[in-house]
Amino acid sequence: MVHDAVTYDDVHVDFTEEEWALLNPSQKCLYRDVMLDTYRNLTATGYIWDDHNMEEHCQTSKRHRR
């Protein structure tokens, strides 16, 4: 059985600013936690991040400070 590789783009949800504004603080926190877990899981499988530190992005993104 052959499995295709999973990429970050396969699992990432990208909200528009308008969509992000509709989320309550607990939903934003849940999103951050899920995306950090996704980052860690992909990293554990050997996924190579092209040009940035995704964990830092998830923790400091302006979206997550709103």
C-alpha atoms as a PDB file:
ATOM      1  CA  MET A   1       0.000   0.000   0.000  1.00  0.00           C
ATOM      2  CA  VAL A   2       1.441   3.378  -1.055  1.00  0.00           C
ATOM      3  CA  HIS A   3       0.625   6.530   0.885  1.00  0.00           C
ATOM      4  CA  ASP A   4       1.018  10.000  -0.540  1.00  0.00           C
ATOM      5  CA  ALA A   5       2.968  12.460   1.575  1.00  0.00           C
ATOM      6  CA  VAL A   6       0.953  14.952   3.582  1.00  0.00           C
ATOM      7  CA  THR A   7       1.950  18.579   3.320  1.00  0.00           C
ATOM      8  CA  TYR A   8       1.175  21.529   5.545  1.00  0.00           C
ATOM      9  CA  ASP A   9      -1.093  22.917   2.825  1.00  0.00           C
ATOM     10  CA  ASP A  10      -3.175  19.724   3.029  1.00  0.00           C
ATOM     11  CA  VAL A  11      -4.096  20.393   6.650  1.00  0.00           C
ATOM     12  CA  HIS A  12      -3.805  24.161   7.070  1.00  0.00           C
ATOM     13  CA  VAL A  13      -6.905  26.320   7.418  1.00  0.00           C
ATOM     14  CA  ASP A  14      -6.353  29.923   6.384  1.00  0.00           C
ATOM     15  CA  PHE A  15      -8.993  32.349   7.650  1.00  0.00           C
ATOM     16  CA  THR A  16      -9.610  35.731   6.070  1.00  0.00           C
ATOM     17  CA  GLU A  17      -9.440  38.665   8.483  1.00  0.00           C
ATOM     18  CA  GLU A  18     -13.233  38.853   8.384  1.00  0.00           C
ATOM     19  CA  GLU A  19     -13.608  35.156   9.217  1.00  0.00           C
ATOM     20  CA  TRP A  20     -11.013  35.407  11.990  1.00  0.00           C
ATOM     21  CA  ALA A  21     -12.899  38.341  13.540  1.00  0.00           C
ATOM     22  CA  LEU A  22     -16.014  36.155  13.823  1.00  0.00           C
ATOM     23  CA  LEU A  23     -14.264  33.572  16.005  1.00  0.00           C
ATOM     24  CA  ASN A  24     -14.487  33.896  19.767  1.00  0.00           C
ATOM     25  CA  PRO A  25     -11.297  33.746  21.887  1.00  0.00           C
ATOM     26  CA  SER A  26     -11.700  30.045  22.726  1.00  0.00           C
ATOM     27  CA  GLN A  27     -12.060  29.182  19.014  1.00  0.00           C
ATOM     28  CA  LYS A  28      -8.918  31.172  18.207  1.00  0.00           C
ATOM     29  CA  CYS A  29      -7.062  29.363  20.983  1.00  0.00           C
ATOM     30  CA  LEU A  30      -8.280  25.999  19.707  1.00  0.00           C
ATOM     31  CA  TYR A  31      -7.122  26.873  16.190  1.00  0.00           C
ATOM     32  CA  ARG A  32      -3.674  27.829  17.489  1.00  0.00           C
ATOM     33  CA  ASP A  33      -3.390  24.630  19.525  1.00  0.00           C
ATOM     34  CA  VAL A  34      -4.483  22.415  16.621  1.00  0.00           C
ATOM     35  CA  MET A  35      -2.106  24.110  14.195  1.00  0.00           C
ATOM     36  CA  LEU A  36       0.804  23.775  16.654  1.00  0.00           C
ATOM     37  CA  ASP A  37       0.010  20.067  17.076  1.00  0.00           C
ATOM     38  CA  THR A  38      -0.140  19.735  13.292  1.00  0.00           C
ATOM     39  CA  TYR A  39       3.232  21.447  12.990  1.00  0.00           C
ATOM     40  CA  ARG A  40       4.768  19.153  15.584  1.00  0.00           C
ATOM     41  CA  ASN A  41       3.254  16.015  14.034  1.00  0.00           C
ATOM     42  CA  LEU A  42       4.446  16.885  10.534  1.00  0.00           C
ATOM     43  CA  THR A  43       7.901  17.742  11.895  1.00  0.00           C
ATOM     44  CA  ALA A  44       8.043  14.393  13.716  1.00  0.00           C
ATOM     45  CA  THR A  45       7.409  12.593  10.425  1.00  0.00           C
ATOM     46  CA  GLY A  46      10.357  14.383   8.826  1.00  0.00           C
ATOM     47  CA  TYR A  47       8.442  17.107   7.008  1.00  0.00           C
ATOM     48  CA  ILE A  48      10.853  19.803   5.815  1.00  0.00           C
ATOM     49  CA  TRP A  49       9.741  23.410   6.315  1.00  0.00           C
ATOM     50  CA  ASP A  50      10.799  25.503   3.342  1.00  0.00           C
ATOM     51  CA  ASP A  51      11.576  28.982   4.575  1.00  0.00           C
ATOM     52  CA  HIS A  52      10.203  29.736   8.006  1.00  0.00           C
ATOM     53  CA  ASN A  53       9.548  28.495  11.516  1.00  0.00           C
ATOM     54  CA  MET A  54       5.882  27.473  11.458  1.00  0.00           C
ATOM     55  CA  GLU A  55       5.711  27.032  15.226  1.00  0.00           C
ATOM     56  CA  GLU A  56       6.845  30.618  15.746  1.00  0.00           C
ATOM     57  CA  HIS A  57       4.342  31.767  13.114  1.00  0.00           C
ATOM     58  CA  CYS A  58       1.490  30.013  14.925  1.00  0.00           C
ATOM     59  CA  GLN A  59       2.469  31.535  18.249  1.00  0.00           C
ATOM     60  CA  THR A  60       3.080  35.091  17.121  1.00  0.00           C
ATOM     61  CA  SER A  61       0.838  35.609  14.118  1.00  0.00           C
ATOM     62  CA  LYS A  62      -1.074  38.880  14.276  1.00  0.00           C
ATOM     63  CA  ARG A  63      -4.220  36.825  13.776  1.00  0.00           C
ATOM     64  CA  HIS A  64      -3.684  35.137  17.116  1.00  0.00           C
ATOM     65  CA  ARG A  65      -3.340  38.388  19.033  1.00  0.00           C
ATOM     66  CA  ARG A  66      -6.736  39.758  18.057  1.00  0.00           C
END
